[in-house]
Amino acid sequence: MIAINRSGDSFVSRWIQYCDSNNIEYIIVDCFSEHFINDILNNNVKVFMWHHSHMRGKDIIASKYIFNTLEHFGIKTFPKYQENWHFDDKIAQAYL
């Protein structure tokens, strides 16, 4: 099962279209919902996908915690925490 965060951008619609065309089960989740982690765990999600925005501060802050937490539960994320922790962060990129 794949969980796709609803963000309304074109990536999400393409991911949904791909899943529909290939009979891949998915759910739409809201990573800012208080039930987000329960929704993921209760639906036996194996993969979480989120095209977060570098223009929304809450996305930048929350994405690091969300990806890292889900990976600790054994859930694959796109992008991976290791590929994302330095996204649009000049200080982190300087250390990298």
PDB file of N, CA and C in Angstrom:
ATOM      1  N   MET A   1       0.849  -1.179   0.000  1.00  0.00           N
ATOM      2  CA  MET A   1       0.000   0.000   0.000  1.00  0.00           C
ATOM      3  C   MET A   1       0.890   1.236   0.000  1.00  0.00           C
ATOM      4  N   ILE A   2       0.535   2.199  -0.816  1.00  0.00           N
ATOM      5  CA  ILE A   2       1.245   3.463  -0.907  1.00  0.00           C
ATOM      6  C   ILE A   2       0.374   4.552  -0.287  1.00  0.00           C
ATOM      7  N   ALA A   3       0.994   5.438   0.467  1.00  0.00           N
ATOM      8  CA  ALA A   3       0.307   6.626   0.979  1.00  0.00           C
ATOM      9  C   ALA A   3       0.868   7.831   0.254  1.00  0.00           C
ATOM     10  N   ILE A   4      -0.018   8.645  -0.278  1.00  0.00           N
ATOM     11  CA  ILE A   4       0.375   9.855  -0.990  1.00  0.00           C
ATOM     12  C   ILE A   4      -0.184  11.048  -0.228  1.00  0.00           C
ATOM     13  N   ASN A   5       0.705  11.964   0.138  1.00  0.00           N
ATOM     14  CA  ASN A   5       0.234  13.154   0.837  1.00  0.00           C
ATOM     15  C   ASN A   5      -0.465  14.076  -0.144  1.00  0.00           C
ATOM     16  N   ARG A   6      -1.630  14.523   0.243  1.00  0.00           N
ATOM     17  CA  ARG A   6      -2.370  15.432  -0.635  1.00  0.00           C
ATOM     18  C   ARG A   6      -1.760  16.820  -0.542  1.00  0.00           C
ATOM     19  N   SER A   7      -1.289  17.282  -1.656  1.00  0.00           N
ATOM     20  CA  SER A   7      -0.723  18.630  -1.677  1.00  0.00           C
ATOM     21  C   SER A   7      -1.250  19.433  -2.850  1.00  0.00           C
ATOM     22  N   GLY A   8      -1.958  18.780  -3.751  1.00  0.00           N
ATOM     23  CA  GLY A   8      -2.604  19.489  -4.834  1.00  0.00           C
ATOM     24  C   GLY A   8      -1.727  19.863  -6.002  1.00  0.00           C
ATOM     25  N   ASP A   9      -0.484  19.424  -6.014  1.00  0.00           N
ATOM     26  CA  ASP A   9       0.365  19.790  -7.144  1.00  0.00           C
ATOM     27  C   ASP A   9       0.321  18.708  -8.221  1.00  0.00           C
ATOM     28  N   SER A  10       0.987  18.979  -9.315  1.00  0.00           N
ATOM     29  CA  SER A  10       0.908  18.067 -10.460  1.00  0.00           C
ATOM     30  C   SER A  10       1.560  16.720 -10.189  1.00  0.00           C
ATOM     31  N   PHE A  11       2.550  16.682  -9.308  1.00  0.00           N
ATOM     32  CA  PHE A  11       3.173  15.396  -8.995  1.00  0.00           C
ATOM     33  C   PHE A  11       2.154  14.442  -8.394  1.00  0.00           C
ATOM     34  N   VAL A  12       1.341  14.933  -7.477  1.00  0.00           N
ATOM     35  CA  VAL A  12       0.355  14.088  -6.815  1.00  0.00           C
ATOM     36  C   VAL A  12      -0.624  13.513  -7.830  1.00  0.00           C
ATOM     37  N   SER A  13      -1.120  14.336  -8.723  1.00  0.00           N
ATOM     38  CA  SER A  13      -2.076  13.838  -9.712  1.00  0.00           C
ATOM     39  C   SER A  13      -1.427  12.802 -10.625  1.00  0.00           C
ATOM     40  N   ARG A  14      -0.146  12.986 -10.955  1.00  0.00           N
ATOM     41  CA  ARG A  14       0.543  11.993 -11.790  1.00  0.00           C
ATOM     42  C   ARG A  14       0.776  10.689 -11.036  1.00  0.00           C
ATOM     43  N   TRP A  15       1.100  10.787  -9.747  1.00  0.00           N
ATOM     44  CA  TRP A  15       1.288   9.574  -8.945  1.00  0.00           C
ATOM     45  C   TRP A  15      -0.029   8.804  -8.837  1.00  0.00           C
ATOM     46  N   ILE A  16      -1.112   9.514  -8.613  1.00  0.00           N
ATOM     47  CA  ILE A  16      -2.421   8.864  -8.506  1.00  0.00           C
ATOM     48  C   ILE A  16      -2.795   8.225  -9.839  1.00  0.00           C
ATOM     49  N   GLN A  17      -2.583   8.937 -10.917  1.00  0.00           N
ATOM     50  CA  GLN A  17      -2.889   8.405 -12.241  1.00  0.00           C
ATOM     51  C   GLN A  17      -2.072   7.142 -12.511  1.00  0.00           C
ATOM     52  N   TYR A  18      -0.807   7.140 -12.137  1.00  0.00           N
ATOM     53  CA  TYR A  18       0.050   5.968 -12.322  1.00  0.00           C
ATOM     54  C   TYR A  18      -0.477   4.784 -11.505  1.00  0.00           C
ATOM     55  N   CYS A  19      -0.820   5.030 -10.245  1.00  0.00           N
ATOM     56  CA  CYS A  19      -1.350   3.963  -9.396  1.00  0.00           C
ATOM     57  C   CYS A  19      -2.652   3.404  -9.968  1.00  0.00           C
ATOM     58  N   ASP A  20      -3.541   4.289 -10.397  1.00  0.00           N
ATOM     59  CA  ASP A  20      -4.809   3.843 -10.983  1.00  0.00           C
ATOM     60  C   ASP A  20      -4.567   3.005 -12.244  1.00  0.00           C
ATOM     61  N   SER A  21      -3.667   3.454 -13.092  1.00  0.00           N
ATOM     62  CA  SER A  21      -3.390   2.757 -14.352  1.00  0.00           C
ATOM     63  C   SER A  21      -2.729   1.402 -14.146  1.00  0.00           C
ATOM     64  N   ASN A  22      -2.040   1.246 -13.022  1.00  0.00           N
ATOM     65  CA  ASN A  22      -1.298   0.008 -12.769  1.00  0.00           C
ATOM     66  C   ASN A  22      -1.869  -0.811 -11.619  1.00  0.00           C
ATOM     67  N   ASN A  23      -3.101  -0.503 -11.230  1.00  0.00           N
ATOM     68  CA  ASN A  23      -3.799  -1.238 -10.170  1.00  0.00           C
ATOM     69  C   ASN A  23      -2.976  -1.341  -8.887  1.00  0.00           C
ATOM     70  N   ILE A  24      -2.363  -0.219  -8.500  1.00  0.00           N
ATOM     71  CA  ILE A  24      -1.583  -0.157  -7.266  1.00  0.00           C
ATOM     72  C   ILE A  24      -2.460   0.495  -6.203  1.00  0.00           C
ATOM     73  N   GLU A  25      -2.593  -0.184  -5.071  1.00  0.00           N
ATOM     74  CA  GLU A  25      -3.410   0.360  -3.993  1.00  0.00           C
ATOM     75  C   GLU A  25      -2.718   1.549  -3.352  1.00  0.00           C
ATOM     76  N   TYR A  26      -3.509   2.578  -3.064  1.00  0.00           N
ATOM     77  CA  TYR A  26      -2.965   3.765  -2.411  1.00  0.00           C
ATOM     78  C   TYR A  26      -4.056   4.418  -1.575  1.00  0.00           C
ATOM     79  N   ILE A  27      -3.601   5.236  -0.641  1.00  0.00           N
ATOM     80  CA  ILE A  27      -4.509   6.086   0.120  1.00  0.00           C
ATOM     81  C   ILE A  27      -3.955   7.506   0.052  1.00  0.00           C
ATOM     82  N   ILE A  28      -4.846   8.458   0.174  1.00  0.00           N
ATOM     83  CA  ILE A  28      -4.461   9.862   0.234  1.00  0.00           C
ATOM     84  C   ILE A  28      -4.461  10.254   1.715  1.00  0.00           C
ATOM     85  N   VAL A  29      -3.364  10.833   2.167  1.00  0.00           N
ATOM     86  CA  VAL A  29      -3.241  11.214   3.569  1.00  0.00           C
ATOM     87  C   VAL A  29      -2.907  12.696   3.679  1.00  0.00           C
ATOM     88  N   ASP A  30      -3.084  13.211   4.870  1.00  0.00           N
ATOM     89  CA  ASP A  30      -2.718  14.592   5.186  1.00  0.00           C
ATOM     90  C   ASP A  30      -1.677  14.524   6.293  1.00  0.00           C
ATOM     91  N   CYS A  31      -0.434  14.817   5.962  1.00  0.00           N
ATOM     92  CA  CYS A  31       0.637  14.659   6.944  1.00  0.00           C
ATOM     93  C   CYS A  31       0.546  15.658   8.093  1.00  0.00           C
ATOM     94  N   PHE A  32      -0.338  16.644   7.988  1.00  0.00           N
ATOM     95  CA  PHE A  32      -0.527  17.587   9.084  1.00  0.00           C
ATOM     96  C   PHE A  32      -1.756  17.251   9.933  1.00  0.00           C
ATOM     97  N   SER A  33      -2.379  16.121   9.637  1.00  0.00           N
ATOM     98  CA  SER A  33      -3.517  15.654  10.429  1.00  0.00           C
ATOM     99  C   SER A  33      -3.012  15.024  11.727  1.00  0.00           C
ATOM    100  N   GLU A  34      -3.786  15.167  12.784  1.00  0.00           N
ATOM    101  CA  GLU A  34      -3.385  14.558  14.053  1.00  0.00           C
ATOM    102  C   GLU A  34      -3.425  13.025  13.989  1.00  0.00           C
ATOM    103  N   HIS A  35      -4.095  12.472  12.975  1.00  0.00           N
ATOM    104  CA  HIS A  35      -4.213  11.017  12.838  1.00  0.00           C
ATOM    105  C   HIS A  35      -3.269  10.461  11.774  1.00  0.00           C
ATOM    106  N   PHE A  36      -2.368  11.264  11.302  1.00  0.00           N
ATOM    107  CA  PHE A  36      -1.511  10.892  10.177  1.00  0.00           C
ATOM    108  C   PHE A  36      -0.762   9.574  10.412  1.00  0.00           C
ATOM    109  N   ILE A  37      -0.038   9.468  11.500  1.00  0.00           N
ATOM    110  CA  ILE A  37       0.757   8.256  11.759  1.00  0.00           C
ATOM    111  C   ILE A  37      -0.156   7.048  11.901  1.00  0.00           C
ATOM    112  N   ASN A  38      -1.278   7.193  12.588  1.00  0.00           N
ATOM    113  CA  ASN A  38      -2.224   6.083  12.717  1.00  0.00           C
ATOM    114  C   ASN A  38      -2.785   5.671  11.360  1.00  0.00           C
ATOM    115  N   ASP A  39      -3.083   6.647  10.503  1.00  0.00           N
ATOM    116  CA  ASP A  39      -3.573   6.330   9.155  1.00  0.00           C
ATOM    117  C   ASP A  39      -2.545   5.493   8.400  1.00  0.00           C
ATOM    118  N   ILE A  40      -1.281   5.855   8.529  1.00  0.00           N
ATOM    119  CA  ILE A  40      -0.205   5.130   7.854  1.00  0.00           C
ATOM    120  C   ILE A  40      -0.084   3.716   8.406  1.00  0.00           C
ATOM    121  N   LEU A  41      -0.008   3.600   9.726  1.00  0.00           N
ATOM    122  CA  LEU A  41       0.215   2.291  10.346  1.00  0.00           C
ATOM    123  C   LEU A  41      -1.005   1.376  10.223  1.00  0.00           C
ATOM    124  N   ASN A  42      -2.204   1.922  10.368  1.00  0.00           N
ATOM    125  CA  ASN A  42      -3.422   1.108  10.305  1.00  0.00           C
ATOM    126  C   ASN A  42      -3.722   0.595   8.909  1.00  0.00           C
ATOM    127  N   ASN A  43      -3.183   1.244   7.891  1.00  0.00           N
ATOM    128  CA  ASN A  43      -3.430   0.812   6.515  1.00  0.00           C
ATOM    129  C   ASN A  43      -2.280   0.000   5.937  1.00  0.00           C
ATOM    130  N   ASN A  44      -1.362  -0.407   6.802  1.00  0.00           N
ATOM    131  CA  ASN A  44      -0.236  -1.250   6.379  1.00  0.00           C
ATOM    132  C   ASN A  44       0.525  -0.626   5.199  1.00  0.00           C
ATOM    133  N   VAL A  45       0.768   0.662   5.311  1.00  0.00           N
ATOM    134  CA  VAL A  45       1.485   1.397   4.269  1.00  0.00           C
ATOM    135  C   VAL A  45       2.945   0.969   4.243  1.00  0.00           C
ATOM    136  N   LYS A  46       3.459   0.744   3.055  1.00  0.00           N
ATOM    137  CA  LYS A  46       4.861   0.364   2.856  1.00  0.00           C
ATOM    138  C   LYS A  46       5.681   1.512   2.269  1.00  0.00           C
ATOM    139  N   VAL A  47       4.994   2.445   1.573  1.00  0.00           N
ATOM    140  CA  VAL A  47       5.668   3.558   0.904  1.00  0.00           C
ATOM    141  C   VAL A  47       4.867   4.832   1.135  1.00  0.00           C
ATOM    142  N   PHE A  48       5.578   5.920   1.472  1.00  0.00           N
ATOM    143  CA  PHE A  48       4.957   7.228   1.646  1.00  0.00           C
ATOM    144  C   PHE A  48       5.594   8.192   0.664  1.00  0.00           C
ATOM    145  N   MET A  49       4.765   8.920  -0.084  1.00  0.00           N
ATOM    146  CA  MET A  49       5.254   9.877  -1.085  1.00  0.00           C
ATOM    147  C   MET A  49       4.706  11.269  -0.782  1.00  0.00           C
ATOM    148  N   TRP A  50       5.620  12.241  -0.833  1.00  0.00           N
ATOM    149  CA  TRP A  50       5.207  13.613  -0.561  1.00  0.00           C
ATOM    150  C   TRP A  50       6.084  14.570  -1.353  1.00  0.00           C
ATOM    151  N   HIS A  51       5.481  15.340  -2.225  1.00  0.00           N
ATOM    152  CA  HIS A  51       6.201  16.391  -2.928  1.00  0.00           C
ATOM    153  C   HIS A  51       5.958  17.675  -2.151  1.00  0.00           C
ATOM    154  N   HIS A  52       6.783  17.883  -1.125  1.00  0.00           N
ATOM    155  CA  HIS A  52       6.607  19.060  -0.279  1.00  0.00           C
ATOM    156  C   HIS A  52       7.223  20.287  -0.947  1.00  0.00           C
ATOM    157  N   SER A  53       6.775  21.430  -0.500  1.00  0.00           N
ATOM    158  CA  SER A  53       7.188  22.681  -1.127  1.00  0.00           C
ATOM    159  C   SER A  53       8.298  23.366  -0.346  1.00  0.00           C
ATOM    160  N   HIS A  54       9.271  23.866  -1.056  1.00  0.00           N
ATOM    161  CA  HIS A  54      10.304  24.668  -0.411  1.00  0.00           C
ATOM    162  C   HIS A  54       9.814  26.092  -0.166  1.00  0.00           C
ATOM    163  N   MET A  55       8.604  26.379  -0.611  1.00  0.00           N
ATOM    164  CA  MET A  55       8.015  27.704  -0.415  1.00  0.00           C
ATOM    165  C   MET A  55       7.121  27.776   0.831  1.00  0.00           C
ATOM    166  N   ARG A  56       6.786  26.619   1.398  1.00  0.00           N
ATOM    167  CA  ARG A  56       5.950  26.588   2.606  1.00  0.00           C
ATOM    168  C   ARG A  56       6.831  26.179   3.788  1.00  0.00           C
ATOM    169  N   GLY A  57       7.017  27.097   4.708  1.00  0.00           N
ATOM    170  CA  GLY A  57       7.887  26.859   5.854  1.00  0.00           C
ATOM    171  C   GLY A  57       7.527  25.621   6.649  1.00  0.00           C
ATOM    172  N   LYS A  58       6.222  25.400   6.841  1.00  0.00           N
ATOM    173  CA  LYS A  58       5.828  24.238   7.634  1.00  0.00           C
ATOM    174  C   LYS A  58       6.188  22.936   6.922  1.00  0.00           C
ATOM    175  N   ASP A  59       6.170  22.920   5.598  1.00  0.00           N
ATOM    176  CA  ASP A  59       6.592  21.731   4.858  1.00  0.00           C
ATOM    177  C   ASP A  59       8.073  21.447   5.089  1.00  0.00           C
ATOM    178  N   ILE A  60       8.884  22.490   5.000  1.00  0.00           N
ATOM    179  CA  ILE A  60      10.334  22.325   5.157  1.00  0.00           C
ATOM    180  C   ILE A  60      10.662  21.780   6.540  1.00  0.00           C
ATOM    181  N   ILE A  61      10.031  22.353   7.557  1.00  0.00           N
ATOM    182  CA  ILE A  61      10.308  21.920   8.930  1.00  0.00           C
ATOM    183  C   ILE A  61       9.771  20.514   9.171  1.00  0.00           C
ATOM    184  N   ALA A  62       8.519  20.272   8.833  1.00  0.00           N
ATOM    185  CA  ALA A  62       7.875  18.998   9.145  1.00  0.00           C
ATOM    186  C   ALA A  62       8.428  17.834   8.328  1.00  0.00           C
ATOM    187  N   SER A  63       8.824  18.095   7.088  1.00  0.00           N
ATOM    188  CA  SER A  63       9.241  16.988   6.221  1.00  0.00           C
ATOM    189  C   SER A  63      10.409  16.210   6.807  1.00  0.00           C
ATOM    190  N   LYS A  64      11.356  16.889   7.397  1.00  0.00           N
ATOM    191  CA  LYS A  64      12.515  16.207   7.981  1.00  0.00           C
ATOM    192  C   LYS A  64      12.081  15.227   9.067  1.00  0.00           C
ATOM    193  N   TYR A  65      11.182  15.670   9.932  1.00  0.00           N
ATOM    194  CA  TYR A  65      10.708  14.821  11.024  1.00  0.00           C
ATOM    195  C   TYR A  65       9.833  13.680  10.513  1.00  0.00           C
ATOM    196  N   ILE A  66       8.978  14.001   9.550  1.00  0.00           N
ATOM    197  CA  ILE A  66       8.060  12.985   9.026  1.00  0.00           C
ATOM    198  C   ILE A  66       8.816  11.883   8.302  1.00  0.00           C
ATOM    199  N   PHE A  67       9.712  12.250   7.385  1.00  0.00           N
ATOM    200  CA  PHE A  67      10.463  11.231   6.652  1.00  0.00           C
ATOM    201  C   PHE A  67      11.304  10.388   7.588  1.00  0.00           C
ATOM    202  N   ASN A  68      11.979  11.020   8.534  1.00  0.00           N
ATOM    203  CA  ASN A  68      12.827  10.286   9.467  1.00  0.00           C
ATOM    204  C   ASN A  68      12.001   9.335  10.327  1.00  0.00           C
ATOM    205  N   THR A  69      10.861   9.806  10.842  1.00  0.00           N
ATOM    206  CA  THR A  69      10.000   8.969  11.678  1.00  0.00           C
ATOM    207  C   THR A  69       9.475   7.761  10.908  1.00  0.00           C
ATOM    208  N   LEU A  70       8.960   7.993   9.712  1.00  0.00           N
ATOM    209  CA  LEU A  70       8.407   6.888   8.931  1.00  0.00           C
ATOM    210  C   LEU A  70       9.483   5.865   8.572  1.00  0.00           C
ATOM    211  N   GLU A  71      10.685   6.332   8.255  1.00  0.00           N
ATOM    212  CA  GLU A  71      11.762   5.393   7.947  1.00  0.00           C
ATOM    213  C   GLU A  71      12.123   4.559   9.170  1.00  0.00           C
ATOM    214  N   HIS A  72      12.002   5.121  10.374  1.00  0.00           N
ATOM    215  CA  HIS A  72      12.239   4.336  11.597  1.00  0.00           C
ATOM    216  C   HIS A  72      11.193   3.231  11.749  1.00  0.00           C
ATOM    217  N   PHE A  73       9.998   3.442  11.213  1.00  0.00           N
ATOM    218  CA  PHE A  73       8.951   2.419  11.228  1.00  0.00           C
ATOM    219  C   PHE A  73       9.132   1.407  10.094  1.00  0.00           C
ATOM    220  N   GLY A  74      10.156   1.586   9.272  1.00  0.00           N
ATOM    221  CA  GLY A  74      10.408   0.670   8.161  1.00  0.00           C
ATOM    222  C   GLY A  74       9.636   1.010   6.901  1.00  0.00           C
ATOM    223  N   ILE A  75       9.070   2.196   6.851  1.00  0.00           N
ATOM    224  CA  ILE A  75       8.303   2.632   5.684  1.00  0.00           C
ATOM    225  C   ILE A  75       9.245   3.373   4.741  1.00  0.00           C
ATOM    226  N   LYS A  76       9.234   2.987   3.482  1.00  0.00           N
ATOM    227  CA  LYS A  76      10.050   3.682   2.489  1.00  0.00           C
ATOM    228  C   LYS A  76       9.390   5.018   2.178  1.00  0.00           C
ATOM    229  N   THR A  77      10.213   6.031   2.005  1.00  0.00           N
ATOM    230  CA  THR A  77       9.673   7.353   1.716  1.00  0.00           C
ATOM    231  C   THR A  77      10.265   7.884   0.419  1.00  0.00           C
ATOM    232  N   PHE A  78       9.483   8.726  -0.228  1.00  0.00           N
ATOM    233  CA  PHE A  78       9.983   9.455  -1.384  1.00  0.00           C
ATOM    234  C   PHE A  78       9.696  10.921  -1.169  1.00  0.00           C
ATOM    235  N   PRO A  79      10.731  11.724  -1.063  1.00  0.00           N
ATOM    236  CA  PRO A  79      12.129  11.313  -1.101  1.00  0.00           C
ATOM    237  C   PRO A  79      12.558  10.683   0.222  1.00  0.00           C
ATOM    238  N   LYS A  80      13.699  10.002   0.197  1.00  0.00           N
ATOM    239  CA  LYS A  80      14.262   9.438   1.419  1.00  0.00           C
ATOM    240  C   LYS A  80      14.757  10.574   2.313  1.00  0.00           C
ATOM    241  N   TYR A  81      14.778  10.305   3.613  1.00  0.00           N
ATOM    242  CA  TYR A  81      15.286  11.309   4.550  1.00  0.00           C
ATOM    243  C   TYR A  81      16.698  11.737   4.160  1.00  0.00           C
ATOM    244  N   GLN A  82      17.557  10.774   3.823  1.00  0.00           N
ATOM    245  CA  GLN A  82      18.944  11.084   3.486  1.00  0.00           C
ATOM    246  C   GLN A  82      19.068  11.926   2.215  1.00  0.00           C
ATOM    247  N   GLU A  83      18.084  11.851   1.362  1.00  0.00           N
ATOM    248  CA  GLU A  83      18.087  12.660   0.136  1.00  0.00           C
ATOM    249  C   GLU A  83      17.438  14.022   0.336  1.00  0.00           C
ATOM    250  N   ASN A  84      16.818  14.206   1.485  1.00  0.00           N
ATOM    251  CA  ASN A  84      15.981  15.382   1.684  1.00  0.00           C
ATOM    252  C   ASN A  84      16.426  16.296   2.820  1.00  0.00           C
ATOM    253  N   TRP A  85      17.210  15.826   3.769  1.00  0.00           N
ATOM    254  CA  TRP A  85      17.483  16.604   4.976  1.00  0.00           C
ATOM    255  C   TRP A  85      18.136  17.952   4.678  1.00  0.00           C
ATOM    256  N   HIS A  86      18.814  18.072   3.567  1.00  0.00           N
ATOM    257  CA  HIS A  86      19.508  19.305   3.214  1.00  0.00           C
ATOM    258  C   HIS A  86      18.763  20.125   2.151  1.00  0.00           C
ATOM    259  N   PHE A  87      17.537  19.714   1.811  1.00  0.00           N
ATOM    260  CA  PHE A  87      16.761  20.380   0.768  1.00  0.00           C
ATOM    261  C   PHE A  87      16.512  21.845   1.109  1.00  0.00           C
ATOM    262  N   ASP A  88      16.941  22.716   0.232  1.00  0.00           N
ATOM    263  CA  ASP A  88      16.732  24.158   0.347  1.00  0.00           C
ATOM    264  C   ASP A  88      17.196  24.711   1.702  1.00  0.00           C
ATOM    265  N   ASP A  89      18.293  24.158   2.209  1.00  0.00           N
ATOM    266  CA  ASP A  89      18.843  24.557   3.502  1.00  0.00           C
ATOM    267  C   ASP A  89      20.332  24.843   3.295  1.00  0.00           C
ATOM    268  N   LYS A  90      20.673  26.109   3.137  1.00  0.00           N
ATOM    269  CA  LYS A  90      22.062  26.478   2.794  1.00  0.00           C
ATOM    270  C   LYS A  90      23.052  26.089   3.888  1.00  0.00           C
ATOM    271  N   ILE A  91      22.642  26.128   5.148  1.00  0.00           N
ATOM    272  CA  ILE A  91      23.548  25.721   6.228  1.00  0.00           C
ATOM    273  C   ILE A  91      23.828  24.232   6.135  1.00  0.00           C
ATOM    274  N   ALA A  92      22.781  23.412   5.993  1.00  0.00           N
ATOM    275  CA  ALA A  92      22.968  21.964   5.860  1.00  0.00           C
ATOM    276  C   ALA A  92      23.782  21.640   4.619  1.00  0.00           C
ATOM    277  N   GLN A  93      23.532  22.350   3.544  1.00  0.00           N
ATOM    278  CA  GLN A  93      24.274  22.107   2.298  1.00  0.00           C
ATOM    279  C   GLN A  93      25.747  22.461   2.462  1.00  0.00           C
ATOM    280  N   ALA A  94      26.050  23.476   3.253  1.00  0.00           N
ATOM    281  CA  ALA A  94      27.448  23.841   3.501  1.00  0.00           C
ATOM    282  C   ALA A  94      28.172  22.725   4.238  1.00  0.00           C
ATOM    283  N   TYR A  95      27.506  22.091   5.214  1.00  0.00           N
ATOM    284  CA  TYR A  95      28.112  20.968   5.926  1.00  0.00           C
ATOM    285  C   TYR A  95      28.238  19.750   5.031  1.00  0.00           C
ATOM    286  N   LEU A  96      27.289  19.570   4.145  1.00  0.00           N
ATOM    287  CA  LEU A  96      27.334  18.430   3.222  1.00  0.00           C
ATOM    288  C   LEU A  96      28.519  18.569   2.279  1.00  0.00           C
TER     289      LEU A  96
END
